[in-house]
Amino acid sequence: MVIARTITRFVVRPDAHARKTSVYESGVTPYGDARLRFSIKFYLVAMIFIIFDIEVVFFYPWAVVFRDMVRESAFILWEMLGFVGLLALGYVYVWRKGGLDWN
């Protein structure tokens, strides 16, 4: 490991790191800094989307099981309605906390 690191230090050009961190603009000369700061709201909305999207994925297996379980369908229906109610409460909580406001 030490030998490889030493050889790399002598072989690699000093400006190689500067080229790796420079902005690539498809052959056009870059101007300004391409690394802009994103608002934290984008990340918040992305996390909310991922959470609700994963929860919605549970609807498909529920529908398959609900179709096959005729005798216990009332229990499964109430169980899923409780799950949907919990999703609705989570959405209302995020809404009330201002997670969806862009001001």
PDB file of N, CA and C in Angstrom:
ATOM      1  N   MET A   1       0.821  -1.173   0.000  1.00  0.00           N
ATOM      2  CA  MET A   1       0.000   0.000   0.000  1.00  0.00           C
ATOM      3  C   MET A   1       0.874   1.248   0.000  1.00  0.00           C
ATOM      4  N   VAL A   2       1.890   1.238   0.812  1.00  0.00           N
ATOM      5  CA  VAL A   2       2.790   2.388   0.898  1.00  0.00           C
ATOM      6  C   VAL A   2       3.545   2.566  -0.416  1.00  0.00           C
ATOM      7  N   ILE A   3       3.961   1.449  -1.014  1.00  0.00           N
ATOM      8  CA  ILE A   3       4.695   1.520  -2.281  1.00  0.00           C
ATOM      9  C   ILE A   3       3.790   2.063  -3.385  1.00  0.00           C
ATOM     10  N   ALA A   4       2.559   1.586  -3.451  1.00  0.00           N
ATOM     11  CA  ALA A   4       1.622   2.075  -4.466  1.00  0.00           C
ATOM     12  C   ALA A   4       1.353   3.560  -4.286  1.00  0.00           C
ATOM     13  N   ARG A   5       1.211   4.004  -3.074  1.00  0.00           N
ATOM     14  CA  ARG A   5       0.965   5.431  -2.795  1.00  0.00           C
ATOM     15  C   ARG A   5       2.168   6.280  -3.210  1.00  0.00           C
ATOM     16  N   THR A   6       3.360   5.784  -2.950  1.00  0.00           N
ATOM     17  CA  THR A   6       4.573   6.515  -3.312  1.00  0.00           C
ATOM     18  C   THR A   6       4.720   6.608  -4.825  1.00  0.00           C
ATOM     19  N   ILE A   7       4.477   5.515  -5.523  1.00  0.00           N
ATOM     20  CA  ILE A   7       4.558   5.522  -6.986  1.00  0.00           C
ATOM     21  C   ILE A   7       3.520   6.472  -7.570  1.00  0.00           C
ATOM     22  N   THR A   8       2.333   6.460  -7.027  1.00  0.00           N
ATOM     23  CA  THR A   8       1.275   7.344  -7.513  1.00  0.00           C
ATOM     24  C   THR A   8       1.662   8.804  -7.334  1.00  0.00           C
ATOM     25  N   ARG A   9       2.300   9.119  -6.256  1.00  0.00           N
ATOM     26  CA  ARG A   9       2.708  10.510  -6.003  1.00  0.00           C
ATOM     27  C   ARG A   9       3.674  11.006  -7.081  1.00  0.00           C
ATOM     28  N   PHE A  10       4.540  10.130  -7.592  1.00  0.00           N
ATOM     29  CA  PHE A  10       5.509  10.547  -8.610  1.00  0.00           C
ATOM     30  C   PHE A  10       4.942  10.478 -10.024  1.00  0.00           C
ATOM     31  N   VAL A  11       3.984   9.621 -10.263  1.00  0.00           N
ATOM     32  CA  VAL A  11       3.458   9.426 -11.614  1.00  0.00           C
ATOM     33  C   VAL A  11       2.355  10.425 -11.954  1.00  0.00           C
ATOM     34  N   VAL A  12       1.487  10.727 -11.020  1.00  0.00           N
ATOM     35  CA  VAL A  12       0.331  11.588 -11.290  1.00  0.00           C
ATOM     36  C   VAL A  12       0.781  13.035 -11.392  1.00  0.00           C
ATOM     37  N   ARG A  13       0.258  13.715 -12.420  1.00  0.00           N
ATOM     38  CA  ARG A  13       0.583  15.134 -12.599  1.00  0.00           C
ATOM     39  C   ARG A  13      -0.103  15.963 -11.514  1.00  0.00           C
ATOM     40  N   PRO A  14       0.495  17.068 -11.111  1.00  0.00           N
ATOM     41  CA  PRO A  14      -0.096  17.874 -10.035  1.00  0.00           C
ATOM     42  C   PRO A  14      -1.421  18.522 -10.412  1.00  0.00           C
ATOM     43  N   ASP A  15      -1.649  18.792 -11.690  1.00  0.00           N
ATOM     44  CA  ASP A  15      -2.885  19.468 -12.088  1.00  0.00           C
ATOM     45  C   ASP A  15      -4.028  18.496 -12.361  1.00  0.00           C
ATOM     46  N   ALA A  16      -3.813  17.199 -12.172  1.00  0.00           N
ATOM     47  CA  ALA A  16      -4.871  16.217 -12.451  1.00  0.00           C
ATOM     48  C   ALA A  16      -6.064  16.421 -11.529  1.00  0.00           C
ATOM     49  N   HIS A  17      -5.806  16.775 -10.285  1.00  0.00           N
ATOM     50  CA  HIS A  17      -6.907  16.988  -9.348  1.00  0.00           C
ATOM     51  C   HIS A  17      -7.727  18.215  -9.739  1.00  0.00           C
ATOM     52  N   ALA A  18      -7.065  19.247 -10.222  1.00  0.00           N
ATOM     53  CA  ALA A  18      -7.780  20.457 -10.638  1.00  0.00           C
ATOM     54  C   ALA A  18      -8.710  20.158 -11.812  1.00  0.00           C
ATOM     55  N   ARG A  19      -8.302  19.295 -12.705  1.00  0.00           N
ATOM     56  CA  ARG A  19      -9.154  18.935 -13.845  1.00  0.00           C
ATOM     57  C   ARG A  19     -10.361  18.109 -13.403  1.00  0.00           C
ATOM     58  N   LYS A  20     -10.178  17.275 -12.425  1.00  0.00           N
ATOM     59  CA  LYS A  20     -11.286  16.448 -11.955  1.00  0.00           C
ATOM     60  C   LYS A  20     -12.367  17.276 -11.284  1.00  0.00           C
ATOM     61  N   THR A  21     -11.983  18.325 -10.614  1.00  0.00           N
ATOM     62  CA  THR A  21     -12.967  19.132  -9.897  1.00  0.00           C
ATOM     63  C   THR A  21     -13.511  20.288 -10.716  1.00  0.00           C
ATOM     64  N   SER A  22     -13.018  20.457 -11.944  1.00  0.00           N
ATOM     65  CA  SER A  22     -13.528  21.560 -12.762  1.00  0.00           C
ATOM     66  C   SER A  22     -14.905  21.198 -13.316  1.00  0.00           C
ATOM     67  N   VAL A  23     -15.635  22.217 -13.719  1.00  0.00           N
ATOM     68  CA  VAL A  23     -16.994  22.054 -14.219  1.00  0.00           C
ATOM     69  C   VAL A  23     -16.946  21.586 -15.665  1.00  0.00           C
ATOM     70  N   TYR A  24     -17.764  20.611 -16.020  1.00  0.00           N
ATOM     71  CA  TYR A  24     -17.836  20.125 -17.391  1.00  0.00           C
ATOM     72  C   TYR A  24     -19.076  20.709 -18.048  1.00  0.00           C
ATOM     73  N   GLU A  25     -18.883  21.440 -19.134  1.00  0.00           N
ATOM     74  CA  GLU A  25     -19.988  22.120 -19.809  1.00  0.00           C
ATOM     75  C   GLU A  25     -20.139  21.654 -21.249  1.00  0.00           C
ATOM     76  N   SER A  26     -19.856  20.405 -21.557  1.00  0.00           N
ATOM     77  CA  SER A  26     -20.019  19.831 -22.899  1.00  0.00           C
ATOM     78  C   SER A  26     -19.198  20.571 -23.950  1.00  0.00           C
ATOM     79  N   GLY A  27     -17.986  20.911 -23.634  1.00  0.00           N
ATOM     80  CA  GLY A  27     -17.111  21.564 -24.595  1.00  0.00           C
ATOM     81  C   GLY A  27     -17.185  23.073 -24.581  1.00  0.00           C
ATOM     82  N   VAL A  28     -18.162  23.650 -23.931  1.00  0.00           N
ATOM     83  CA  VAL A  28     -18.298  25.097 -23.849  1.00  0.00           C
ATOM     84  C   VAL A  28     -17.464  25.586 -22.670  1.00  0.00           C
ATOM     85  N   THR A  29     -16.817  26.714 -22.852  1.00  0.00           N
ATOM     86  CA  THR A  29     -16.021  27.267 -21.765  1.00  0.00           C
ATOM     87  C   THR A  29     -16.933  27.651 -20.606  1.00  0.00           C
ATOM     88  N   PRO A  30     -16.697  27.101 -19.436  1.00  0.00           N
ATOM     89  CA  PRO A  30     -17.578  27.409 -18.304  1.00  0.00           C
ATOM     90  C   PRO A  30     -17.337  28.824 -17.785  1.00  0.00           C
ATOM     91  N   TYR A  31     -18.386  29.426 -17.323  1.00  0.00           N
ATOM     92  CA  TYR A  31     -18.267  30.735 -16.686  1.00  0.00           C
ATOM     93  C   TYR A  31     -19.066  30.696 -15.398  1.00  0.00           C
ATOM     94  N   GLY A  32     -18.550  31.320 -14.385  1.00  0.00           N
ATOM     95  CA  GLY A  32     -19.223  31.305 -13.094  1.00  0.00           C
ATOM     96  C   GLY A  32     -19.032  29.974 -12.391  1.00  0.00           C
ATOM     97  N   ASP A  33     -19.760  29.809 -11.316  1.00  0.00           N
ATOM     98  CA  ASP A  33     -19.699  28.577 -10.539  1.00  0.00           C
ATOM     99  C   ASP A  33     -20.963  27.775 -10.790  1.00  0.00           C
ATOM    100  N   ALA A  34     -20.816  26.550 -11.229  1.00  0.00           N
ATOM    101  CA  ALA A  34     -21.977  25.715 -11.547  1.00  0.00           C
ATOM    102  C   ALA A  34     -22.570  25.061 -10.304  1.00  0.00           C
ATOM    103  N   ARG A  35     -21.886  25.122  -9.218  1.00  0.00           N
ATOM    104  CA  ARG A  35     -22.380  24.493  -7.994  1.00  0.00           C
ATOM    105  C   ARG A  35     -23.231  25.490  -7.223  1.00  0.00           C
ATOM    106  N   LEU A  36     -24.515  25.429  -7.459  1.00  0.00           N
ATOM    107  CA  LEU A  36     -25.446  26.331  -6.795  1.00  0.00           C
ATOM    108  C   LEU A  36     -26.026  25.659  -5.562  1.00  0.00           C
ATOM    109  N   ARG A  37     -26.399  26.444  -4.600  1.00  0.00           N
ATOM    110  CA  ARG A  37     -27.032  25.900  -3.401  1.00  0.00           C
ATOM    111  C   ARG A  37     -28.514  25.688  -3.672  1.00  0.00           C
ATOM    112  N   PHE A  38     -29.000  24.541  -3.261  1.00  0.00           N
ATOM    113  CA  PHE A  38     -30.419  24.247  -3.361  1.00  0.00           C
ATOM    114  C   PHE A  38     -31.090  24.625  -2.053  1.00  0.00           C
ATOM    115  N   SER A  39     -32.325  25.029  -2.170  1.00  0.00           N
ATOM    116  CA  SER A  39     -33.099  25.317  -0.971  1.00  0.00           C
ATOM    117  C   SER A  39     -33.366  24.012  -0.231  1.00  0.00           C
ATOM    118  N   ILE A  40     -33.411  24.083   1.072  1.00  0.00           N
ATOM    119  CA  ILE A  40     -33.679  22.895   1.886  1.00  0.00           C
ATOM    120  C   ILE A  40     -35.076  22.357   1.618  1.00  0.00           C
ATOM    121  N   LYS A  41     -35.949  23.188   1.073  1.00  0.00           N
ATOM    122  CA  LYS A  41     -37.314  22.752   0.758  1.00  0.00           C
ATOM    123  C   LYS A  41     -37.311  21.633  -0.279  1.00  0.00           C
ATOM    124  N   PHE A  42     -36.366  21.662  -1.223  1.00  0.00           N
ATOM    125  CA  PHE A  42     -36.299  20.596  -2.217  1.00  0.00           C
ATOM    126  C   PHE A  42     -36.035  19.251  -1.541  1.00  0.00           C
ATOM    127  N   TYR A  43     -35.124  19.237  -0.597  1.00  0.00           N
ATOM    128  CA  TYR A  43     -34.812  17.999   0.103  1.00  0.00           C
ATOM    129  C   TYR A  43     -35.981  17.550   0.975  1.00  0.00           C
ATOM    130  N   LEU A  44     -36.652  18.493   1.596  1.00  0.00           N
ATOM    131  CA  LEU A  44     -37.798  18.168   2.437  1.00  0.00           C
ATOM    132  C   LEU A  44     -38.921  17.552   1.610  1.00  0.00           C
ATOM    133  N   VAL A  45     -39.217  18.162   0.471  1.00  0.00           N
ATOM    134  CA  VAL A  45     -40.263  17.619  -0.399  1.00  0.00           C
ATOM    135  C   VAL A  45     -39.844  16.257  -0.941  1.00  0.00           C
ATOM    136  N   ALA A  46     -38.579  16.079  -1.259  1.00  0.00           N
ATOM    137  CA  ALA A  46     -38.102  14.783  -1.744  1.00  0.00           C
ATOM    138  C   ALA A  46     -38.256  13.706  -0.677  1.00  0.00           C
ATOM    139  N   MET A  47     -37.936  14.022   0.563  1.00  0.00           N
ATOM    140  CA  MET A  47     -38.089  13.042   1.639  1.00  0.00           C
ATOM    141  C   MET A  47     -39.557  12.703   1.881  1.00  0.00           C
ATOM    142  N   ILE A  48     -40.413  13.712   1.844  1.00  0.00           N
ATOM    143  CA  ILE A  48     -41.846  13.460   2.011  1.00  0.00           C
ATOM    144  C   ILE A  48     -42.353  12.588   0.876  1.00  0.00           C
ATOM    145  N   PHE A  49     -41.911  12.870  -0.349  1.00  0.00           N
ATOM    146  CA  PHE A  49     -42.321  12.064  -1.496  1.00  0.00           C
ATOM    147  C   PHE A  49     -41.873  10.618  -1.339  1.00  0.00           C
ATOM    148  N   ILE A  50     -40.641  10.408  -0.926  1.00  0.00           N
ATOM    149  CA  ILE A  50     -40.131   9.046  -0.768  1.00  0.00           C
ATOM    150  C   ILE A  50     -40.912   8.297   0.305  1.00  0.00           C
ATOM    151  N   ILE A  51     -41.182   8.955   1.414  1.00  0.00           N
ATOM    152  CA  ILE A  51     -41.922   8.299   2.493  1.00  0.00           C
ATOM    153  C   ILE A  51     -43.310   7.884   2.028  1.00  0.00           C
ATOM    154  N   PHE A  52     -44.034   8.805   1.404  1.00  0.00           N
ATOM    155  CA  PHE A  52     -45.384   8.471   0.961  1.00  0.00           C
ATOM    156  C   PHE A  52     -45.368   7.515  -0.226  1.00  0.00           C
ATOM    157  N   ASP A  53     -44.355   7.588  -1.065  1.00  0.00           N
ATOM    158  CA  ASP A  53     -44.269   6.675  -2.198  1.00  0.00           C
ATOM    159  C   ASP A  53     -44.034   5.245  -1.727  1.00  0.00           C
ATOM    160  N   ILE A  54     -43.184   5.066  -0.745  1.00  0.00           N
ATOM    161  CA  ILE A  54     -42.939   3.724  -0.209  1.00  0.00           C
ATOM    162  C   ILE A  54     -44.199   3.178   0.453  1.00  0.00           C
ATOM    163  N   GLU A  55     -44.928   4.037   1.125  1.00  0.00           N
ATOM    164  CA  GLU A  55     -46.154   3.569   1.766  1.00  0.00           C
ATOM    165  C   GLU A  55     -47.215   3.196   0.736  1.00  0.00           C
ATOM    166  N   VAL A  56     -47.250   3.897  -0.370  1.00  0.00           N
ATOM    167  CA  VAL A  56     -48.223   3.572  -1.418  1.00  0.00           C
ATOM    168  C   VAL A  56     -47.878   2.238  -2.076  1.00  0.00           C
ATOM    169  N   VAL A  57     -46.602   1.862  -2.071  1.00  0.00           N
ATOM    170  CA  VAL A  57     -46.196   0.575  -2.638  1.00  0.00           C
ATOM    171  C   VAL A  57     -46.864  -0.580  -1.895  1.00  0.00           C
ATOM    172  N   PHE A  58     -47.221  -0.373  -0.645  1.00  0.00           N
ATOM    173  CA  PHE A  58     -47.884  -1.419   0.130  1.00  0.00           C
ATOM    174  C   PHE A  58     -49.312  -1.682  -0.350  1.00  0.00           C
ATOM    175  N   PHE A  59     -49.876  -0.801  -1.137  1.00  0.00           N
ATOM    176  CA  PHE A  59     -51.251  -1.000  -1.614  1.00  0.00           C
ATOM    177  C   PHE A  59     -51.374  -2.182  -2.571  1.00  0.00           C
ATOM    178  N   TYR A  60     -50.378  -2.438  -3.400  1.00  0.00           N
ATOM    179  CA  TYR A  60     -50.483  -3.535  -4.368  1.00  0.00           C
ATOM    180  C   TYR A  60     -50.548  -4.902  -3.680  1.00  0.00           C
ATOM    181  N   PRO A  61     -49.631  -5.230  -2.769  1.00  0.00           N
ATOM    182  CA  PRO A  61     -49.765  -6.533  -2.101  1.00  0.00           C
ATOM    183  C   PRO A  61     -51.065  -6.643  -1.312  1.00  0.00           C
ATOM    184  N   TRP A  62     -51.516  -5.540  -0.747  1.00  0.00           N
ATOM    185  CA  TRP A  62     -52.786  -5.563  -0.026  1.00  0.00           C
ATOM    186  C   TRP A  62     -53.926  -5.931  -0.967  1.00  0.00           C
ATOM    187  N   ALA A  63     -53.938  -5.367  -2.155  1.00  0.00           N
ATOM    188  CA  ALA A  63     -55.003  -5.667  -3.110  1.00  0.00           C
ATOM    189  C   ALA A  63     -54.968  -7.133  -3.526  1.00  0.00           C
ATOM    190  N   VAL A  64     -53.785  -7.689  -3.697  1.00  0.00           N
ATOM    191  CA  VAL A  64     -53.668  -9.101  -4.081  1.00  0.00           C
ATOM    192  C   VAL A  64     -54.169  -9.999  -2.954  1.00  0.00           C
ATOM    193  N   VAL A  65     -53.783  -9.710  -1.730  1.00  0.00           N
ATOM    194  CA  VAL A  65     -54.220 -10.511  -0.586  1.00  0.00           C
ATOM    195  C   VAL A  65     -55.715 -10.334  -0.357  1.00  0.00           C
ATOM    196  N   PHE A  66     -56.214  -9.128  -0.507  1.00  0.00           N
ATOM    197  CA  PHE A  66     -57.633  -8.858  -0.291  1.00  0.00           C
ATOM    198  C   PHE A  66     -58.496  -9.640  -1.277  1.00  0.00           C
ATOM    199  N   ARG A  67     -58.030  -9.794  -2.493  1.00  0.00           N
ATOM    200  CA  ARG A  67     -58.774 -10.536  -3.504  1.00  0.00           C
ATOM    201  C   ARG A  67     -58.850 -12.021  -3.154  1.00  0.00           C
ATOM    202  N   ASP A  68     -57.774 -12.570  -2.602  1.00  0.00           N
ATOM    203  CA  ASP A  68     -57.724 -14.002  -2.322  1.00  0.00           C
ATOM    204  C   ASP A  68     -58.353 -14.386  -0.983  1.00  0.00           C
ATOM    205  N   MET A  69     -58.439 -13.484  -0.051  1.00  0.00           N
ATOM    206  CA  MET A  69     -58.944 -13.793   1.288  1.00  0.00           C
ATOM    207  C   MET A  69     -60.394 -13.337   1.422  1.00  0.00           C
ATOM    208  N   VAL A  70     -61.320 -14.112   0.935  1.00  0.00           N
ATOM    209  CA  VAL A  70     -62.726 -13.713   0.924  1.00  0.00           C
ATOM    210  C   VAL A  70     -63.318 -13.752   2.329  1.00  0.00           C
ATOM    211  N   ARG A  71     -63.005 -14.782   3.120  1.00  0.00           N
ATOM    212  CA  ARG A  71     -63.604 -14.912   4.448  1.00  0.00           C
ATOM    213  C   ARG A  71     -63.127 -13.832   5.404  1.00  0.00           C
ATOM    214  N   GLU A  72     -61.865 -13.486   5.328  1.00  0.00           N
ATOM    215  CA  GLU A  72     -61.305 -12.509   6.255  1.00  0.00           C
ATOM    216  C   GLU A  72     -61.212 -11.121   5.638  1.00  0.00           C
ATOM    217  N   SER A  73     -61.998 -10.862   4.622  1.00  0.00           N
ATOM    218  CA  SER A  73     -61.872  -9.598   3.902  1.00  0.00           C
ATOM    219  C   SER A  73     -62.277  -8.396   4.752  1.00  0.00           C
ATOM    220  N   ALA A  74     -63.230  -8.568   5.680  1.00  0.00           N
ATOM    221  CA  ALA A  74     -63.644  -7.437   6.517  1.00  0.00           C
ATOM    222  C   ALA A  74     -62.490  -6.988   7.422  1.00  0.00           C
ATOM    223  N   PHE A  75     -61.783  -7.946   8.010  1.00  0.00           N
ATOM    224  CA  PHE A  75     -60.645  -7.600   8.864  1.00  0.00           C
ATOM    225  C   PHE A  75     -59.549  -6.905   8.060  1.00  0.00           C
ATOM    226  N   ILE A  76     -59.249  -7.444   6.890  1.00  0.00           N
ATOM    227  CA  ILE A  76     -58.208  -6.857   6.045  1.00  0.00           C
ATOM    228  C   ILE A  76     -58.624  -5.471   5.569  1.00  0.00           C
ATOM    229  N   LEU A  77     -59.901  -5.296   5.270  1.00  0.00           N
ATOM    230  CA  LEU A  77     -60.386  -3.986   4.833  1.00  0.00           C
ATOM    231  C   LEU A  77     -60.210  -2.948   5.938  1.00  0.00           C
ATOM    232  N   TRP A  78     -60.597  -3.286   7.166  1.00  0.00           N
ATOM    233  CA  TRP A  78     -60.455  -2.340   8.275  1.00  0.00           C
ATOM    234  C   TRP A  78     -58.988  -2.062   8.589  1.00  0.00           C
ATOM    235  N   GLU A  79     -58.182  -3.089   8.441  1.00  0.00           N
ATOM    236  CA  GLU A  79     -56.756  -2.906   8.668  1.00  0.00           C
ATOM    237  C   GLU A  79     -56.168  -1.925   7.650  1.00  0.00           C
ATOM    238  N   MET A  80     -56.556  -2.069   6.400  1.00  0.00           N
ATOM    239  CA  MET A  80     -56.034  -1.164   5.372  1.00  0.00           C
ATOM    240  C   MET A  80     -56.620   0.232   5.497  1.00  0.00           C
ATOM    241  N   LEU A  81     -57.860   0.342   5.902  1.00  0.00           N
ATOM    242  CA  LEU A  81     -58.440   1.665   6.126  1.00  0.00           C
ATOM    243  C   LEU A  81     -57.710   2.385   7.262  1.00  0.00           C
ATOM    244  N   GLY A  82     -57.306   1.640   8.275  1.00  0.00           N
ATOM    245  CA  GLY A  82     -56.496   2.231   9.340  1.00  0.00           C
ATOM    246  C   GLY A  82     -55.148   2.711   8.818  1.00  0.00           C
ATOM    247  N   PHE A  83     -54.561   1.944   7.920  1.00  0.00           N
ATOM    248  CA  PHE A  83     -53.290   2.334   7.307  1.00  0.00           C
ATOM    249  C   PHE A  83     -53.452   3.599   6.475  1.00  0.00           C
ATOM    250  N   VAL A  84     -54.512   3.663   5.687  1.00  0.00           N
ATOM    251  CA  VAL A  84     -54.785   4.857   4.875  1.00  0.00           C
ATOM    252  C   VAL A  84     -55.068   6.053   5.783  1.00  0.00           C
ATOM    253  N   GLY A  85     -55.785   5.822   6.875  1.00  0.00           N
ATOM    254  CA  GLY A  85     -56.034   6.899   7.830  1.00  0.00           C
ATOM    255  C   GLY A  85     -54.744   7.419   8.441  1.00  0.00           C
ATOM    256  N   LEU A  86     -53.826   6.514   8.743  1.00  0.00           N
ATOM    257  CA  LEU A  86     -52.529   6.921   9.273  1.00  0.00           C
ATOM    258  C   LEU A  86     -51.746   7.733   8.245  1.00  0.00           C
ATOM    259  N   LEU A  87     -51.828   7.338   6.986  1.00  0.00           N
ATOM    260  CA  LEU A  87     -51.198   8.124   5.921  1.00  0.00           C
ATOM    261  C   LEU A  87     -51.800   9.519   5.847  1.00  0.00           C
ATOM    262  N   ALA A  88     -53.115   9.598   5.945  1.00  0.00           N
ATOM    263  CA  ALA A  88     -53.792  10.897   5.889  1.00  0.00           C
ATOM    264  C   ALA A  88     -53.376  11.769   7.069  1.00  0.00           C
ATOM    265  N   LEU A  89     -53.265  11.179   8.251  1.00  0.00           N
ATOM    266  CA  LEU A  89     -52.810  11.942   9.414  1.00  0.00           C
ATOM    267  C   LEU A  89     -51.377  12.451   9.227  1.00  0.00           C
ATOM    268  N   GLY A  90     -50.529  11.626   8.644  1.00  0.00           N
ATOM    269  CA  GLY A  90     -49.159  12.057   8.364  1.00  0.00           C
ATOM    270  C   GLY A  90     -49.116  13.206   7.375  1.00  0.00           C
ATOM    271  N   TYR A  91     -49.952  13.136   6.361  1.00  0.00           N
ATOM    272  CA  TYR A  91     -50.018  14.212   5.371  1.00  0.00           C
ATOM    273  C   TYR A  91     -50.509  15.503   6.011  1.00  0.00           C
ATOM    274  N   VAL A  92     -51.536  15.415   6.843  1.00  0.00           N
ATOM    275  CA  VAL A  92     -52.065  16.601   7.525  1.00  0.00           C
ATOM    276  C   VAL A  92     -51.007  17.175   8.470  1.00  0.00           C
ATOM    277  N   TYR A  93     -50.265  16.313   9.151  1.00  0.00           N
ATOM    278  CA  TYR A  93     -49.208  16.776  10.053  1.00  0.00           C
ATOM    279  C   TYR A  93     -48.141  17.566   9.290  1.00  0.00           C
ATOM    280  N   VAL A  94     -47.692  17.009   8.164  1.00  0.00           N
ATOM    281  CA  VAL A  94     -46.684  17.696   7.352  1.00  0.00           C
ATOM    282  C   VAL A  94     -47.228  19.014   6.832  1.00  0.00           C
ATOM    283  N   TRP A  95     -48.474  19.016   6.430  1.00  0.00           N
ATOM    284  CA  TRP A  95     -49.107  20.219   5.907  1.00  0.00           C
ATOM    285  C   TRP A  95     -49.195  21.298   6.990  1.00  0.00           C
ATOM    286  N   ARG A  96     -49.632  20.906   8.196  1.00  0.00           N
ATOM    287  CA  ARG A  96     -49.774  21.868   9.299  1.00  0.00           C
ATOM    288  C   ARG A  96     -48.421  22.406   9.781  1.00  0.00           C
ATOM    289  N   LYS A  97     -47.392  21.581   9.710  1.00  0.00           N
ATOM    290  CA  LYS A  97     -46.066  22.024  10.133  1.00  0.00           C
ATOM    291  C   LYS A  97     -45.402  22.932   9.099  1.00  0.00           C
ATOM    292  N   GLY A  98     -46.034  23.089   7.931  1.00  0.00           N
ATOM    293  CA  GLY A  98     -45.490  23.970   6.902  1.00  0.00           C
ATOM    294  C   GLY A  98     -44.478  23.309   5.999  1.00  0.00           C
ATOM    295  N   GLY A  99     -44.482  21.997   5.949  1.00  0.00           N
ATOM    296  CA  GLY A  99     -43.540  21.287   5.095  1.00  0.00           C
ATOM    297  C   GLY A  99     -43.819  21.443   3.622  1.00  0.00           C
ATOM    298  N   LEU A 100     -45.008  21.876   3.268  1.00  0.00           N
ATOM    299  CA  LEU A 100     -45.372  22.040   1.864  1.00  0.00           C
ATOM    300  C   LEU A 100     -45.458  23.505   1.447  1.00  0.00           C
ATOM    301  N   ASP A 101     -45.131  24.430   2.345  1.00  0.00           N
ATOM    302  CA  ASP A 101     -45.151  25.862   2.023  1.00  0.00           C
ATOM    303  C   ASP A 101     -43.822  26.264   1.388  1.00  0.00           C
ATOM    304  N   TRP A 102     -43.889  27.106   0.370  1.00  0.00           N
ATOM    305  CA  TRP A 102     -42.687  27.551  -0.329  1.00  0.00           C
ATOM    306  C   TRP A 102     -42.365  29.009  -0.036  1.00  0.00           C
ATOM    307  N   ASN A 103     -42.816  29.547   1.056  1.00  0.00           N
ATOM    308  CA  ASN A 103     -42.554  30.961   1.370  1.00  0.00           C
ATOM    309  C   ASN A 103     -41.193  31.149   1.989  1.00  0.00           C
TER     310      ASN A 103
END
